[in-house]
Amino acid sequence: MRRPLRLHDAIDQHLGDAPACGTEGMPVKLGIRPEHLKLADGGDALLSGRVSLVESLGDATNVHVNVAGARDPVVARLAGQQPIRRGDAIRLAADRAAVHLFGADGRALRPGRSPA
């Protein structure tokens, strides 16, 4: 029986009916590369939080965001110089294909396959 994976309301909505991959009741980690995150437009936010650090690198800006429930800040690598400051509230989005799930052992979870 396939059951939807429950993470967080915004993430659940973003992932849609992603199957649990045999992980019901088990901890999972969400993985998104910093360069795959972007500023959210309208209602497409996947994550939101407060900026804790901004690194202007010339061709890109790394933005560290404290997200509720996350142990460590989420880092977004945004193109160009961004008018974002420490303490700003920020919303981030990502394409569904760029969002990956990992089991507690660090192995990638794939739909229809149980963790080994």
N, C-alpha and C. Protein backbone atom coordinates (compact mmCIF):
# COMPACT_ATOMS: atom_id res chain seq x y z
N MET A 1 0.83 -1.18 0.00
CA MET A 1 0.00 0.00 0.00
C MET A 1 0.88 1.24 0.00
N ARG A 2 0.64 2.14 -0.91
CA ARG A 2 1.41 3.37 -1.00
C ARG A 2 0.73 4.46 -0.20
N ARG A 3 1.50 5.14 0.63
CA ARG A 3 0.97 6.23 1.45
C ARG A 3 1.77 7.48 1.15
N PRO A 4 1.13 8.64 1.22
CA PRO A 4 1.87 9.86 0.96
C PRO A 4 2.88 10.13 2.07
N LEU A 5 3.99 10.69 1.68
CA LEU A 5 5.03 11.07 2.62
C LEU A 5 4.64 12.37 3.28
N ARG A 6 4.65 12.43 4.62
CA ARG A 6 4.29 13.64 5.36
C ARG A 6 5.57 14.25 5.91
N LEU A 7 5.88 15.46 5.49
CA LEU A 7 7.05 16.17 5.99
C LEU A 7 6.63 17.44 6.71
N HIS A 8 6.23 18.41 5.95
CA HIS A 8 5.83 19.73 6.44
C HIS A 8 4.82 20.22 5.42
N ASP A 9 3.83 20.99 5.83
CA ASP A 9 2.75 21.37 4.91
C ASP A 9 3.26 21.93 3.58
N ALA A 10 4.19 22.88 3.62
CA ALA A 10 4.69 23.48 2.37
C ALA A 10 5.44 22.46 1.53
N ILE A 11 6.22 21.60 2.17
CA ILE A 11 6.98 20.59 1.44
C ILE A 11 6.04 19.52 0.89
N ASP A 12 5.05 19.10 1.71
CA ASP A 12 4.07 18.12 1.24
C ASP A 12 3.37 18.62 -0.01
N GLN A 13 2.95 19.87 0.00
CA GLN A 13 2.26 20.45 -1.15
C GLN A 13 3.19 20.48 -2.36
N HIS A 14 4.46 20.80 -2.15
CA HIS A 14 5.43 20.89 -3.23
C HIS A 14 5.71 19.52 -3.85
N LEU A 15 5.84 18.50 -3.01
CA LEU A 15 6.16 17.16 -3.52
C LEU A 15 4.95 16.41 -4.02
N GLY A 16 3.76 16.87 -3.66
CA GLY A 16 2.54 16.21 -4.12
C GLY A 16 2.38 14.84 -3.50
N ASP A 17 2.13 13.84 -4.31
CA ASP A 17 1.86 12.49 -3.81
C ASP A 17 3.09 11.60 -3.82
N ALA A 18 4.24 12.15 -3.44
CA ALA A 18 5.45 11.34 -3.38
C ALA A 18 5.23 10.18 -2.40
N PRO A 19 5.48 8.95 -2.82
CA PRO A 19 5.24 7.82 -1.93
C PRO A 19 6.25 7.79 -0.79
N ALA A 20 5.88 7.11 0.28
CA ALA A 20 6.71 7.06 1.47
C ALA A 20 7.97 6.22 1.30
N CYS A 21 8.07 5.43 0.28
CA CYS A 21 9.26 4.62 0.02
C CYS A 21 9.57 3.70 1.19
N GLY A 22 8.56 3.25 1.92
CA GLY A 22 8.78 2.37 3.06
C GLY A 22 9.30 3.09 4.29
N THR A 23 9.15 4.41 4.36
CA THR A 23 9.73 5.18 5.46
C THR A 23 8.72 5.63 6.49
N GLU A 24 7.52 5.11 6.48
CA GLU A 24 6.50 5.58 7.42
C GLU A 24 7.02 5.48 8.85
N GLY A 25 6.98 6.60 9.56
CA GLY A 25 7.44 6.66 10.94
C GLY A 25 8.94 6.77 11.10
N MET A 26 9.68 6.81 9.99
CA MET A 26 11.14 6.91 10.05
C MET A 26 11.58 8.32 9.70
N PRO A 27 12.68 8.78 10.29
CA PRO A 27 13.17 10.12 9.93
C PRO A 27 13.73 10.13 8.51
N VAL A 28 13.50 11.22 7.80
CA VAL A 28 14.08 11.41 6.47
C VAL A 28 14.71 12.80 6.42
N LYS A 29 15.65 12.97 5.50
CA LYS A 29 16.28 14.26 5.29
C LYS A 29 15.91 14.76 3.90
N LEU A 30 15.70 16.05 3.81
CA LEU A 30 15.38 16.70 2.55
C LEU A 30 16.68 17.28 2.01
N GLY A 31 16.99 17.01 0.76
CA GLY A 31 18.21 17.52 0.16
C GLY A 31 17.93 18.35 -1.08
N ILE A 32 18.46 19.57 -1.07
CA ILE A 32 18.36 20.47 -2.22
C ILE A 32 19.69 21.19 -2.34
N ARG A 33 20.29 21.18 -3.50
CA ARG A 33 21.56 21.90 -3.69
C ARG A 33 21.30 23.41 -3.59
N PRO A 34 22.24 24.15 -3.00
CA PRO A 34 22.05 25.60 -2.84
C PRO A 34 21.73 26.32 -4.15
N GLU A 35 22.33 25.89 -5.25
CA GLU A 35 22.10 26.55 -6.54
C GLU A 35 20.72 26.24 -7.13
N HIS A 36 20.01 25.26 -6.57
CA HIS A 36 18.66 24.92 -7.06
C HIS A 36 17.56 25.68 -6.32
N LEU A 37 17.93 26.40 -5.27
CA LEU A 37 16.95 27.23 -4.57
C LEU A 37 16.87 28.60 -5.23
N LYS A 38 15.69 29.19 -5.21
CA LYS A 38 15.48 30.51 -5.80
C LYS A 38 14.49 31.27 -4.92
N LEU A 39 14.43 32.57 -5.09
CA LEU A 39 13.45 33.36 -4.36
C LEU A 39 12.06 32.95 -4.84
N ALA A 40 11.15 32.77 -3.90
CA ALA A 40 9.80 32.31 -4.22
C ALA A 40 8.97 33.45 -4.79
N ASP A 41 8.18 33.12 -5.81
CA ASP A 41 7.20 34.05 -6.38
C ASP A 41 5.82 33.59 -5.95
N GLY A 42 5.06 34.47 -5.36
CA GLY A 42 3.68 34.13 -4.98
C GLY A 42 3.62 32.97 -4.03
N GLY A 43 2.81 31.96 -4.37
CA GLY A 43 2.55 30.84 -3.48
C GLY A 43 3.44 29.64 -3.70
N ASP A 44 4.55 29.77 -4.42
CA ASP A 44 5.36 28.59 -4.70
C ASP A 44 6.47 28.34 -3.68
N ALA A 45 6.40 28.92 -2.49
CA ALA A 45 7.44 28.77 -1.48
C ALA A 45 7.51 27.33 -0.96
N LEU A 46 8.71 26.82 -0.89
CA LEU A 46 8.98 25.51 -0.31
C LEU A 46 9.43 25.67 1.13
N LEU A 47 10.25 26.68 1.38
CA LEU A 47 10.80 26.96 2.71
C LEU A 47 10.73 28.44 2.99
N SER A 48 10.65 28.79 4.26
CA SER A 48 10.71 30.19 4.63
C SER A 48 11.43 30.31 5.96
N GLY A 49 12.03 31.46 6.19
CA GLY A 49 12.74 31.68 7.44
C GLY A 49 13.37 33.05 7.46
N ARG A 50 14.30 33.24 8.40
CA ARG A 50 15.00 34.51 8.57
C ARG A 50 16.45 34.35 8.15
N VAL A 51 16.95 35.35 7.45
CA VAL A 51 18.33 35.35 6.96
C VAL A 51 19.27 35.55 8.14
N SER A 52 20.26 34.66 8.26
CA SER A 52 21.25 34.77 9.33
C SER A 52 22.61 35.25 8.81
N LEU A 53 22.86 35.08 7.50
CA LEU A 53 24.14 35.49 6.93
C LEU A 53 23.98 35.69 5.43
N VAL A 54 24.60 36.74 4.91
CA VAL A 54 24.61 37.01 3.48
C VAL A 54 26.06 37.09 3.03
N GLU A 55 26.43 36.30 2.02
CA GLU A 55 27.78 36.31 1.46
C GLU A 55 27.71 36.79 0.01
N SER A 56 28.16 37.99 -0.25
CA SER A 56 28.18 38.52 -1.62
C SER A 56 29.47 38.06 -2.27
N LEU A 57 29.34 37.29 -3.34
CA LEU A 57 30.49 36.68 -4.00
C LEU A 57 30.77 37.26 -5.38
N GLY A 58 30.11 38.33 -5.75
CA GLY A 58 30.29 38.93 -7.07
C GLY A 58 29.27 38.40 -8.05
N ASP A 59 29.49 37.18 -8.56
CA ASP A 59 28.56 36.60 -9.54
C ASP A 59 27.37 35.91 -8.88
N ALA A 60 27.42 35.75 -7.56
CA ALA A 60 26.35 35.07 -6.82
C ALA A 60 26.31 35.60 -5.39
N THR A 61 25.21 35.30 -4.72
CA THR A 61 25.04 35.64 -3.31
C THR A 61 24.59 34.40 -2.57
N ASN A 62 25.36 33.99 -1.57
CA ASN A 62 24.95 32.89 -0.70
C ASN A 62 24.15 33.47 0.44
N VAL A 63 22.94 32.94 0.64
CA VAL A 63 22.06 33.41 1.70
C VAL A 63 21.80 32.24 2.65
N HIS A 64 22.15 32.41 3.92
CA HIS A 64 21.93 31.40 4.95
C HIS A 64 20.62 31.74 5.65
N VAL A 65 19.71 30.78 5.70
CA VAL A 65 18.36 31.03 6.22
C VAL A 65 18.05 30.06 7.35
N ASN A 66 17.63 30.59 8.49
CA ASN A 66 17.18 29.76 9.61
C ASN A 66 15.73 29.38 9.35
N VAL A 67 15.50 28.08 9.17
CA VAL A 67 14.17 27.55 8.87
C VAL A 67 13.68 26.76 10.09
N ALA A 68 12.45 27.01 10.51
CA ALA A 68 11.88 26.30 11.66
C ALA A 68 11.97 24.79 11.44
N GLY A 69 12.45 24.08 12.44
CA GLY A 69 12.54 22.63 12.38
C GLY A 69 13.84 22.11 11.79
N ALA A 70 14.65 22.98 11.20
CA ALA A 70 15.93 22.56 10.62
C ALA A 70 17.04 22.78 11.64
N ARG A 71 17.91 21.80 11.78
CA ARG A 71 19.02 21.90 12.73
C ARG A 71 20.04 22.95 12.29
N ASP A 72 20.31 23.00 11.01
CA ASP A 72 21.30 23.93 10.46
C ASP A 72 20.62 24.90 9.50
N PRO A 73 21.23 26.06 9.27
CA PRO A 73 20.66 26.99 8.28
C PRO A 73 20.64 26.36 6.88
N VAL A 74 19.65 26.72 6.11
CA VAL A 74 19.56 26.32 4.70
C VAL A 74 20.33 27.38 3.91
N VAL A 75 21.17 26.94 2.97
CA VAL A 75 21.94 27.88 2.17
C VAL A 75 21.39 27.90 0.75
N ALA A 76 21.08 29.10 0.28
CA ALA A 76 20.62 29.30 -1.10
C ALA A 76 21.70 30.10 -1.83
N ARG A 77 22.08 29.63 -3.01
CA ARG A 77 23.05 30.35 -3.84
C ARG A 77 22.26 31.03 -4.95
N LEU A 78 22.09 32.34 -4.82
CA LEU A 78 21.27 33.12 -5.75
C LEU A 78 22.16 33.84 -6.74
N ALA A 79 21.71 33.95 -7.98
CA ALA A 79 22.50 34.60 -9.04
C ALA A 79 22.65 36.09 -8.76
N GLY A 80 23.84 36.60 -9.05
CA GLY A 80 24.11 38.04 -8.96
C GLY A 80 24.10 38.58 -7.55
N GLN A 81 24.08 39.90 -7.46
CA GLN A 81 24.00 40.59 -6.18
C GLN A 81 22.54 40.72 -5.78
N GLN A 82 22.22 40.40 -4.54
CA GLN A 82 20.85 40.42 -4.07
C GLN A 82 20.68 41.45 -2.95
N PRO A 83 19.58 42.20 -2.95
CA PRO A 83 19.33 43.20 -1.90
C PRO A 83 18.73 42.57 -0.65
N ILE A 84 19.39 41.56 -0.13
CA ILE A 84 18.91 40.81 1.03
C ILE A 84 19.86 41.11 2.18
N ARG A 85 19.28 41.31 3.38
CA ARG A 85 20.09 41.63 4.55
C ARG A 85 19.80 40.65 5.69
N ARG A 86 20.75 40.54 6.57
CA ARG A 86 20.58 39.72 7.77
C ARG A 86 19.30 40.17 8.51
N GLY A 87 18.50 39.20 8.93
CA GLY A 87 17.26 39.49 9.63
C GLY A 87 16.04 39.55 8.73
N ASP A 88 16.24 39.64 7.41
CA ASP A 88 15.11 39.67 6.48
C ASP A 88 14.35 38.34 6.51
N ALA A 89 13.03 38.42 6.38
CA ALA A 89 12.22 37.23 6.18
C ALA A 89 12.33 36.88 4.70
N ILE A 90 12.53 35.60 4.40
CA ILE A 90 12.74 35.18 3.02
C ILE A 90 11.97 33.89 2.76
N ARG A 91 11.51 33.74 1.52
CA ARG A 91 10.81 32.53 1.08
C ARG A 91 11.57 31.97 -0.10
N LEU A 92 11.81 30.66 -0.07
CA LEU A 92 12.58 30.00 -1.12
C LEU A 92 11.75 28.93 -1.81
N ALA A 93 12.03 28.74 -3.09
CA ALA A 93 11.35 27.72 -3.90
C ALA A 93 12.40 26.88 -4.62
N ALA A 94 11.97 25.73 -5.13
CA ALA A 94 12.84 24.87 -5.94
C ALA A 94 11.96 24.05 -6.86
N ASP A 95 12.49 23.67 -8.00
CA ASP A 95 11.77 22.77 -8.89
C ASP A 95 11.65 21.41 -8.20
N ARG A 96 10.53 20.75 -8.41
CA ARG A 96 10.29 19.45 -7.76
C ARG A 96 11.40 18.45 -8.07
N ALA A 97 11.90 18.44 -9.27
CA ALA A 97 12.95 17.49 -9.66
C ALA A 97 14.25 17.72 -8.91
N ALA A 98 14.43 18.89 -8.32
CA ALA A 98 15.66 19.21 -7.59
C ALA A 98 15.59 18.84 -6.11
N VAL A 99 14.42 18.36 -5.67
CA VAL A 99 14.24 18.00 -4.26
C VAL A 99 14.47 16.49 -4.11
N HIS A 100 15.37 16.13 -3.19
CA HIS A 100 15.72 14.72 -2.98
C HIS A 100 15.48 14.34 -1.52
N LEU A 101 15.11 13.08 -1.30
CA LEU A 101 14.89 12.58 0.05
C LEU A 101 15.92 11.51 0.37
N PHE A 102 16.39 11.53 1.63
CA PHE A 102 17.40 10.59 2.09
C PHE A 102 16.95 9.95 3.39
N GLY A 103 17.25 8.67 3.56
CA GLY A 103 16.95 7.98 4.80
C GLY A 103 17.95 8.37 5.88
N ALA A 104 17.71 7.89 7.09
CA ALA A 104 18.59 8.20 8.22
C ALA A 104 20.02 7.72 7.97
N ASP A 105 20.18 6.71 7.11
CA ASP A 105 21.50 6.18 6.80
C ASP A 105 22.20 6.97 5.70
N GLY A 106 21.53 8.00 5.16
CA GLY A 106 22.13 8.83 4.12
C GLY A 106 21.89 8.34 2.70
N ARG A 107 21.24 7.20 2.55
CA ARG A 107 20.98 6.66 1.22
C ARG A 107 19.75 7.33 0.61
N ALA A 108 19.81 7.59 -0.69
CA ALA A 108 18.70 8.23 -1.40
C ALA A 108 17.48 7.33 -1.39
N LEU A 109 16.32 7.94 -1.15
CA LEU A 109 15.06 7.22 -1.21
C LEU A 109 14.42 7.47 -2.56
N ARG A 110 13.94 6.41 -3.16
CA ARG A 110 13.30 6.53 -4.46
C ARG A 110 11.91 5.94 -4.39
N PRO A 111 10.96 6.55 -5.10
CA PRO A 111 9.58 6.03 -5.08
C PRO A 111 9.52 4.55 -5.45
N GLY A 112 8.71 3.82 -4.69
CA GLY A 112 8.50 2.42 -4.99
C GLY A 112 9.58 1.49 -4.46
N ARG A 113 10.62 2.02 -3.83
CA ARG A 113 11.70 1.19 -3.28
C ARG A 113 11.79 1.41 -1.78
N SER A 114 11.86 0.32 -1.05
CA SER A 114 12.00 0.41 0.40
C SER A 114 13.46 0.64 0.74
N PRO A 115 13.72 1.35 1.85
CA PRO A 115 15.11 1.53 2.25
C PRO A 115 15.72 0.20 2.65
N ALA A 116 17.00 0.02 2.35
CA ALA A 116 17.68 -1.24 2.67
C ALA A 116 18.28 -1.19 4.05
